[in-house]
Amino acid sequence: MQVKSDLMHAVERNKEKSNAAGAYEFMYAAGKSNERIQDFLDCIVDIREYDVPYHVRFAIDNDIRSGLWYDVNVSCDGVTLERRHDLLQRAEVHVCAFDIETTKLPLKFPDAEYDMVMMISYMVDGQGYLIINRE
């Protein structure tokens, strides 16, 4: 958090010095000339939420909320979501989680060519299941 705090001070200082377009022109000009940038902190004009996963940021930006109903349309132009305001009862949220235990070499990822699946455990809406390889 200390790094983020330090960077935010630099961003605020740089925003006061110039607008974003001027800063980008400065960076472009500095790259074209033989001058070297003395302090890279002077080039930081914005900081984004580095700790927010993409799918969460996407849902926030597009106002997609869990527990609501949507019509999903897929076409060659992409995917569109339209909220169904006529359906008032909240959709039931279902959760599925799983874990696969395999044999593997130390400090390596499992390889399907020779590593075996020892067990698969999964839960659906709080009910747990276990599949065991008895070989």
N, C-alpha and C. Protein backbone atom coordinates (compact mmCIF):
# COMPACT_ATOMS: atom_id res chain seq x y z
N MET A 1 0.81 -1.19 0.00
CA MET A 1 0.00 0.00 0.00
C MET A 1 0.86 1.26 0.00
N GLN A 2 2.07 1.17 0.52
CA GLN A 2 2.97 2.32 0.54
C GLN A 2 3.32 2.76 -0.88
N VAL A 3 3.54 1.78 -1.77
CA VAL A 3 3.88 2.10 -3.15
C VAL A 3 2.72 2.83 -3.82
N LYS A 4 1.50 2.34 -3.60
CA LYS A 4 0.33 2.98 -4.19
C LYS A 4 0.20 4.41 -3.68
N SER A 5 0.44 4.61 -2.40
CA SER A 5 0.36 5.96 -1.82
C SER A 5 1.40 6.88 -2.45
N ASP A 6 2.63 6.39 -2.59
CA ASP A 6 3.68 7.20 -3.21
C ASP A 6 3.35 7.53 -4.66
N LEU A 7 2.82 6.55 -5.39
CA LEU A 7 2.46 6.79 -6.78
C LEU A 7 1.31 7.78 -6.90
N MET A 8 0.35 7.71 -5.99
CA MET A 8 -0.78 8.64 -6.04
C MET A 8 -0.31 10.08 -5.86
N HIS A 9 0.69 10.29 -4.99
CA HIS A 9 1.24 11.64 -4.83
C HIS A 9 1.87 12.12 -6.13
N ALA A 10 2.60 11.23 -6.81
CA ALA A 10 3.22 11.60 -8.09
C ALA A 10 2.16 11.88 -9.15
N VAL A 11 1.10 11.07 -9.18
CA VAL A 11 0.03 11.28 -10.17
C VAL A 11 -0.64 12.63 -9.95
N GLU A 12 -0.96 12.94 -8.70
CA GLU A 12 -1.61 14.22 -8.40
C GLU A 12 -0.71 15.39 -8.80
N ARG A 13 0.58 15.28 -8.51
CA ARG A 13 1.53 16.33 -8.87
C ARG A 13 1.60 16.50 -10.39
N ASN A 14 1.63 15.38 -11.12
CA ASN A 14 1.73 15.44 -12.58
C ASN A 14 0.44 15.98 -13.21
N LYS A 15 -0.70 15.65 -12.63
CA LYS A 15 -1.97 16.18 -13.15
C LYS A 15 -2.03 17.69 -12.98
N GLU A 16 -1.48 18.18 -11.89
CA GLU A 16 -1.46 19.63 -11.68
C GLU A 16 -0.55 20.31 -12.68
N LYS A 17 0.55 19.67 -13.03
CA LYS A 17 1.51 20.29 -13.95
C LYS A 17 0.96 20.42 -15.36
N SER A 18 0.26 19.41 -15.82
CA SER A 18 -0.26 19.47 -17.19
C SER A 18 -1.42 18.52 -17.36
N ASN A 19 -2.17 18.71 -18.42
CA ASN A 19 -3.27 17.79 -18.69
C ASN A 19 -2.70 16.52 -19.33
N ALA A 20 -3.53 15.47 -19.43
CA ALA A 20 -3.05 14.18 -19.92
C ALA A 20 -2.51 14.26 -21.34
N ALA A 21 -3.14 15.04 -22.20
CA ALA A 21 -2.68 15.12 -23.60
C ALA A 21 -1.28 15.70 -23.67
N GLY A 22 -1.02 16.73 -22.88
CA GLY A 22 0.32 17.33 -22.88
C GLY A 22 1.36 16.36 -22.36
N ALA A 23 0.99 15.56 -21.36
CA ALA A 23 1.95 14.59 -20.82
C ALA A 23 2.28 13.52 -21.84
N TYR A 24 1.25 13.06 -22.60
CA TYR A 24 1.51 12.04 -23.61
C TYR A 24 2.39 12.60 -24.72
N GLU A 25 2.19 13.86 -25.09
CA GLU A 25 3.03 14.49 -26.11
C GLU A 25 4.47 14.58 -25.62
N PHE A 26 4.64 14.90 -24.32
CA PHE A 26 5.98 14.97 -23.75
C PHE A 26 6.68 13.61 -23.82
N MET A 27 5.94 12.55 -23.47
CA MET A 27 6.54 11.22 -23.49
C MET A 27 6.90 10.82 -24.92
N TYR A 28 6.05 11.15 -25.88
CA TYR A 28 6.31 10.83 -27.28
C TYR A 28 7.53 11.60 -27.77
N ALA A 29 7.61 12.87 -27.43
CA ALA A 29 8.74 13.69 -27.86
C ALA A 29 10.03 13.21 -27.20
N ALA A 30 9.96 12.82 -25.94
CA ALA A 30 11.16 12.35 -25.25
C ALA A 30 11.68 11.07 -25.88
N GLY A 31 10.79 10.22 -26.34
CA GLY A 31 11.21 8.98 -26.99
C GLY A 31 11.84 9.23 -28.34
N LYS A 32 11.46 10.30 -29.02
CA LYS A 32 11.97 10.59 -30.35
C LYS A 32 13.31 11.31 -30.31
N SER A 33 13.54 12.08 -29.26
CA SER A 33 14.79 12.85 -29.21
C SER A 33 15.87 12.02 -28.52
N ASN A 34 17.05 12.59 -28.45
CA ASN A 34 18.17 11.92 -27.80
C ASN A 34 18.17 12.15 -26.30
N GLU A 35 17.23 12.97 -25.80
CA GLU A 35 17.16 13.25 -24.37
C GLU A 35 16.65 12.01 -23.64
N ARG A 36 17.19 11.80 -22.46
CA ARG A 36 16.72 10.70 -21.62
C ARG A 36 15.83 11.28 -20.53
N ILE A 37 14.78 10.55 -20.19
CA ILE A 37 13.91 10.98 -19.12
C ILE A 37 14.65 10.82 -17.81
N GLN A 38 14.72 11.89 -17.04
CA GLN A 38 15.47 11.86 -15.80
C GLN A 38 14.70 11.15 -14.68
N ASP A 39 13.41 11.40 -14.61
CA ASP A 39 12.60 10.81 -13.54
C ASP A 39 11.31 10.26 -14.16
N PHE A 40 11.19 8.94 -14.16
CA PHE A 40 10.01 8.32 -14.76
C PHE A 40 8.74 8.60 -13.98
N LEU A 41 8.86 8.97 -12.72
CA LEU A 41 7.68 9.34 -11.95
C LEU A 41 6.99 10.57 -12.54
N ASP A 42 7.76 11.40 -13.25
CA ASP A 42 7.16 12.57 -13.89
C ASP A 42 6.27 12.19 -15.06
N CYS A 43 6.36 10.98 -15.57
CA CYS A 43 5.57 10.53 -16.71
C CYS A 43 4.26 9.84 -16.31
N ILE A 44 4.08 9.53 -15.04
CA ILE A 44 2.88 8.83 -14.59
C ILE A 44 1.76 9.85 -14.43
N VAL A 45 0.72 9.71 -15.25
CA VAL A 45 -0.40 10.66 -15.21
C VAL A 45 -1.70 10.03 -14.71
N ASP A 46 -1.72 8.71 -14.50
CA ASP A 46 -2.92 8.07 -14.02
C ASP A 46 -2.55 6.74 -13.38
N ILE A 47 -3.35 6.28 -12.45
CA ILE A 47 -3.15 4.97 -11.85
C ILE A 47 -4.50 4.26 -11.86
N ARG A 48 -4.49 3.01 -12.24
CA ARG A 48 -5.72 2.22 -12.35
C ARG A 48 -5.81 1.25 -11.19
N GLU A 49 -6.95 0.60 -11.06
CA GLU A 49 -7.17 -0.36 -9.99
C GLU A 49 -6.48 -1.67 -10.35
N TYR A 50 -5.26 -1.81 -9.92
CA TYR A 50 -4.47 -2.98 -10.27
C TYR A 50 -4.94 -4.23 -9.56
N ASP A 51 -5.66 -4.08 -8.45
CA ASP A 51 -6.03 -5.25 -7.66
C ASP A 51 -7.47 -5.71 -7.89
N VAL A 52 -8.18 -5.14 -8.86
CA VAL A 52 -9.54 -5.56 -9.17
C VAL A 52 -9.50 -6.49 -10.36
N PRO A 53 -9.97 -7.74 -10.22
CA PRO A 53 -9.95 -8.68 -11.35
C PRO A 53 -10.78 -8.15 -12.53
N TYR A 54 -10.41 -8.58 -13.73
CA TYR A 54 -11.06 -8.09 -14.94
C TYR A 54 -12.56 -8.33 -14.93
N HIS A 55 -12.99 -9.54 -14.55
CA HIS A 55 -14.42 -9.86 -14.61
C HIS A 55 -15.23 -8.99 -13.64
N VAL A 56 -14.64 -8.62 -12.51
CA VAL A 56 -15.33 -7.75 -11.56
C VAL A 56 -15.43 -6.33 -12.12
N ARG A 57 -14.33 -5.84 -12.71
CA ARG A 57 -14.34 -4.50 -13.31
C ARG A 57 -15.34 -4.45 -14.46
N PHE A 58 -15.40 -5.52 -15.28
CA PHE A 58 -16.35 -5.59 -16.39
C PHE A 58 -17.79 -5.50 -15.88
N ALA A 59 -18.09 -6.27 -14.84
CA ALA A 59 -19.45 -6.27 -14.28
C ALA A 59 -19.81 -4.90 -13.72
N ILE A 60 -18.88 -4.24 -13.06
CA ILE A 60 -19.14 -2.91 -12.51
C ILE A 60 -19.37 -1.91 -13.63
N ASP A 61 -18.50 -1.92 -14.63
CA ASP A 61 -18.59 -0.95 -15.73
C ASP A 61 -19.87 -1.12 -16.55
N ASN A 62 -20.35 -2.37 -16.68
CA ASN A 62 -21.52 -2.64 -17.51
C ASN A 62 -22.79 -2.82 -16.69
N ASP A 63 -22.75 -2.50 -15.41
CA ASP A 63 -23.90 -2.58 -14.51
C ASP A 63 -24.56 -3.95 -14.54
N ILE A 64 -23.74 -5.00 -14.47
CA ILE A 64 -24.23 -6.38 -14.42
C ILE A 64 -24.18 -6.81 -12.96
N ARG A 65 -25.32 -7.23 -12.45
CA ARG A 65 -25.43 -7.60 -11.04
C ARG A 65 -25.91 -9.04 -10.91
N SER A 66 -25.39 -9.73 -9.91
CA SER A 66 -25.85 -11.10 -9.67
C SER A 66 -27.24 -11.05 -9.05
N GLY A 67 -28.03 -12.09 -9.28
CA GLY A 67 -29.37 -12.17 -8.73
C GLY A 67 -30.42 -11.51 -9.60
N LEU A 68 -30.05 -10.93 -10.73
CA LEU A 68 -31.01 -10.32 -11.64
C LEU A 68 -31.13 -11.18 -12.89
N TRP A 69 -32.19 -10.96 -13.65
CA TRP A 69 -32.43 -11.72 -14.87
C TRP A 69 -31.99 -10.90 -16.08
N TYR A 70 -31.38 -11.57 -17.05
CA TYR A 70 -30.91 -10.92 -18.27
C TYR A 70 -31.27 -11.78 -19.48
N ASP A 71 -31.54 -11.13 -20.60
CA ASP A 71 -31.61 -11.81 -21.89
C ASP A 71 -30.23 -11.68 -22.51
N VAL A 72 -29.65 -12.79 -22.92
CA VAL A 72 -28.31 -12.80 -23.51
C VAL A 72 -28.45 -13.10 -24.99
N ASN A 73 -27.95 -12.21 -25.83
CA ASN A 73 -27.98 -12.39 -27.28
C ASN A 73 -26.56 -12.43 -27.81
N VAL A 74 -26.27 -13.45 -28.61
CA VAL A 74 -24.95 -13.61 -29.19
C VAL A 74 -25.07 -13.44 -30.70
N SER A 75 -24.21 -12.59 -31.25
CA SER A 75 -24.18 -12.39 -32.71
C SER A 75 -22.74 -12.20 -33.14
N CYS A 76 -22.54 -12.02 -34.44
CA CYS A 76 -21.17 -11.83 -34.93
C CYS A 76 -20.59 -10.51 -34.43
N ASP A 77 -21.45 -9.58 -33.99
CA ASP A 77 -20.98 -8.30 -33.45
C ASP A 77 -20.56 -8.41 -31.99
N GLY A 78 -20.93 -9.48 -31.33
CA GLY A 78 -20.57 -9.65 -29.93
C GLY A 78 -21.75 -10.14 -29.11
N VAL A 79 -21.65 -9.95 -27.82
CA VAL A 79 -22.67 -10.40 -26.89
C VAL A 79 -23.35 -9.18 -26.28
N THR A 80 -24.68 -9.22 -26.20
CA THR A 80 -25.41 -8.14 -25.56
C THR A 80 -26.24 -8.71 -24.42
N LEU A 81 -26.29 -7.97 -23.33
CA LEU A 81 -27.09 -8.34 -22.17
C LEU A 81 -28.16 -7.28 -21.97
N GLU A 82 -29.40 -7.73 -21.85
CA GLU A 82 -30.50 -6.81 -21.58
C GLU A 82 -31.19 -7.27 -20.30
N ARG A 83 -31.24 -6.37 -19.33
CA ARG A 83 -31.87 -6.72 -18.06
C ARG A 83 -33.38 -6.86 -18.25
N ARG A 84 -33.94 -7.90 -17.61
CA ARG A 84 -35.38 -8.18 -17.66
C ARG A 84 -36.03 -7.51 -16.45
N HIS A 85 -36.64 -6.37 -16.64
CA HIS A 85 -37.30 -5.64 -15.55
C HIS A 85 -38.64 -6.27 -15.19
N ASP A 86 -39.19 -7.11 -16.09
CA ASP A 86 -40.48 -7.72 -15.80
C ASP A 86 -40.37 -8.89 -14.83
N LEU A 87 -39.19 -9.45 -14.66
CA LEU A 87 -38.98 -10.56 -13.72
C LEU A 87 -38.47 -9.98 -12.40
N LEU A 88 -39.32 -9.97 -11.39
CA LEU A 88 -38.97 -9.33 -10.13
C LEU A 88 -38.38 -10.28 -9.10
N GLN A 89 -38.75 -11.57 -9.17
CA GLN A 89 -38.19 -12.53 -8.23
C GLN A 89 -36.70 -12.70 -8.53
N ARG A 90 -35.89 -12.57 -7.49
CA ARG A 90 -34.45 -12.67 -7.69
C ARG A 90 -34.06 -14.07 -8.16
N ALA A 91 -33.11 -14.12 -9.07
CA ALA A 91 -32.61 -15.40 -9.54
C ALA A 91 -31.79 -16.05 -8.42
N GLU A 92 -31.93 -17.36 -8.28
CA GLU A 92 -31.17 -18.08 -7.27
C GLU A 92 -29.73 -18.24 -7.75
N VAL A 93 -28.80 -17.90 -6.88
CA VAL A 93 -27.39 -18.00 -7.23
C VAL A 93 -26.92 -19.42 -6.96
N HIS A 94 -26.26 -20.03 -7.93
CA HIS A 94 -25.71 -21.36 -7.78
C HIS A 94 -24.19 -21.26 -7.76
N VAL A 95 -23.55 -22.03 -6.88
CA VAL A 95 -22.11 -21.99 -6.74
C VAL A 95 -21.57 -23.39 -6.98
N CYS A 96 -20.54 -23.48 -7.80
CA CYS A 96 -19.86 -24.75 -8.04
C CYS A 96 -18.36 -24.53 -7.82
N ALA A 97 -17.75 -25.38 -7.01
CA ALA A 97 -16.32 -25.31 -6.76
C ALA A 97 -15.75 -26.73 -6.86
N PHE A 98 -14.51 -26.83 -7.35
CA PHE A 98 -13.91 -28.15 -7.48
C PHE A 98 -12.42 -28.11 -7.21
N ASP A 99 -11.86 -29.29 -6.93
CA ASP A 99 -10.43 -29.44 -6.70
C ASP A 99 -10.03 -30.80 -7.25
N ILE A 100 -8.95 -30.84 -8.00
CA ILE A 100 -8.45 -32.09 -8.58
C ILE A 100 -7.07 -32.36 -8.01
N GLU A 101 -6.92 -33.50 -7.37
CA GLU A 101 -5.63 -33.92 -6.79
C GLU A 101 -4.98 -34.94 -7.72
N THR A 102 -3.72 -34.69 -8.08
CA THR A 102 -3.00 -35.57 -8.99
C THR A 102 -1.63 -35.92 -8.43
N THR A 103 -1.03 -36.95 -9.02
CA THR A 103 0.38 -37.21 -8.76
C THR A 103 1.17 -36.25 -9.63
N LYS A 104 2.39 -35.91 -9.21
CA LYS A 104 3.23 -35.02 -10.01
C LYS A 104 4.65 -35.05 -9.47
N LEU A 105 5.56 -34.61 -10.28
CA LEU A 105 6.95 -34.49 -9.84
C LEU A 105 7.08 -33.29 -8.91
N PRO A 106 8.04 -33.30 -7.99
CA PRO A 106 8.21 -32.16 -7.08
C PRO A 106 8.47 -30.86 -7.86
N LEU A 107 7.80 -29.80 -7.44
CA LEU A 107 7.96 -28.46 -8.01
C LEU A 107 7.58 -28.38 -9.48
N LYS A 108 6.74 -29.29 -9.95
CA LYS A 108 6.28 -29.29 -11.34
C LYS A 108 4.76 -29.28 -11.38
N PHE A 109 4.21 -28.84 -12.49
CA PHE A 109 2.78 -28.96 -12.69
C PHE A 109 2.46 -30.36 -13.17
N PRO A 110 1.26 -30.86 -12.90
CA PRO A 110 0.89 -32.20 -13.39
C PRO A 110 0.93 -32.27 -14.91
N ASP A 111 1.31 -33.43 -15.41
CA ASP A 111 1.36 -33.68 -16.85
C ASP A 111 0.40 -34.82 -17.16
N ALA A 112 -0.56 -34.58 -18.04
CA ALA A 112 -1.59 -35.58 -18.35
C ALA A 112 -1.01 -36.83 -19.00
N GLU A 113 0.20 -36.74 -19.55
CA GLU A 113 0.82 -37.89 -20.21
C GLU A 113 1.14 -39.02 -19.23
N TYR A 114 1.57 -38.68 -18.00
CA TYR A 114 1.96 -39.74 -17.08
C TYR A 114 1.46 -39.55 -15.65
N ASP A 115 0.98 -38.38 -15.27
CA ASP A 115 0.45 -38.19 -13.91
C ASP A 115 -0.99 -38.69 -13.84
N MET A 116 -1.35 -39.27 -12.70
CA MET A 116 -2.69 -39.83 -12.51
C MET A 116 -3.54 -38.91 -11.64
N VAL A 117 -4.84 -38.95 -11.89
CA VAL A 117 -5.79 -38.25 -11.03
C VAL A 117 -6.06 -39.14 -9.83
N MET A 118 -5.79 -38.63 -8.63
CA MET A 118 -6.03 -39.41 -7.41
C MET A 118 -7.44 -39.19 -6.89
N MET A 119 -7.91 -37.93 -6.95
CA MET A 119 -9.24 -37.66 -6.42
C MET A 119 -9.74 -36.34 -6.98
N ILE A 120 -11.06 -36.25 -7.11
CA ILE A 120 -11.73 -35.02 -7.53
C ILE A 120 -12.80 -34.75 -6.48
N SER A 121 -12.74 -33.56 -5.90
CA SER A 121 -13.80 -33.17 -4.97
C SER A 121 -14.50 -31.95 -5.55
N TYR A 122 -15.82 -31.91 -5.37
CA TYR A 122 -16.55 -30.76 -5.86
C TYR A 122 -17.77 -30.50 -4.98
N MET A 123 -18.18 -29.25 -4.99
CA MET A 123 -19.36 -28.84 -4.23
C MET A 123 -20.28 -28.05 -5.15
N VAL A 124 -21.57 -28.34 -5.04
CA VAL A 124 -22.59 -27.59 -5.77
C VAL A 124 -23.60 -27.13 -4.74
N ASP A 125 -23.71 -25.83 -4.59
CA ASP A 125 -24.65 -25.22 -3.64
C ASP A 125 -24.54 -25.83 -2.24
N GLY A 126 -23.32 -25.99 -1.76
CA GLY A 126 -23.10 -26.46 -0.39
C GLY A 126 -23.10 -27.95 -0.21
N GLN A 127 -23.46 -28.73 -1.22
CA GLN A 127 -23.44 -30.19 -1.13
C GLN A 127 -22.14 -30.70 -1.73
N GLY A 128 -21.34 -31.41 -0.93
CA GLY A 128 -20.03 -31.87 -1.37
C GLY A 128 -20.04 -33.28 -1.90
N TYR A 129 -19.15 -33.54 -2.88
CA TYR A 129 -19.02 -34.86 -3.48
C TYR A 129 -17.53 -35.18 -3.61
N LEU A 130 -17.20 -36.45 -3.58
CA LEU A 130 -15.81 -36.88 -3.67
C LEU A 130 -15.71 -38.08 -4.61
N ILE A 131 -14.84 -37.98 -5.59
CA ILE A 131 -14.57 -39.08 -6.52
C ILE A 131 -13.14 -39.52 -6.28
N ILE A 132 -12.95 -40.81 -5.97
CA ILE A 132 -11.63 -41.32 -5.62
C ILE A 132 -11.20 -42.35 -6.65
N ASN A 133 -9.94 -42.26 -7.11
CA ASN A 133 -9.35 -43.25 -8.00
C ASN A 133 -8.80 -44.38 -7.12
N ARG A 134 -9.31 -45.58 -7.27
CA ARG A 134 -8.89 -46.69 -6.41
C ARG A 134 -7.79 -47.54 -7.02
N GLU A 135 -7.18 -47.09 -8.10
CA GLU A 135 -6.09 -47.88 -8.72
C GLU A 135 -4.83 -47.78 -7.90
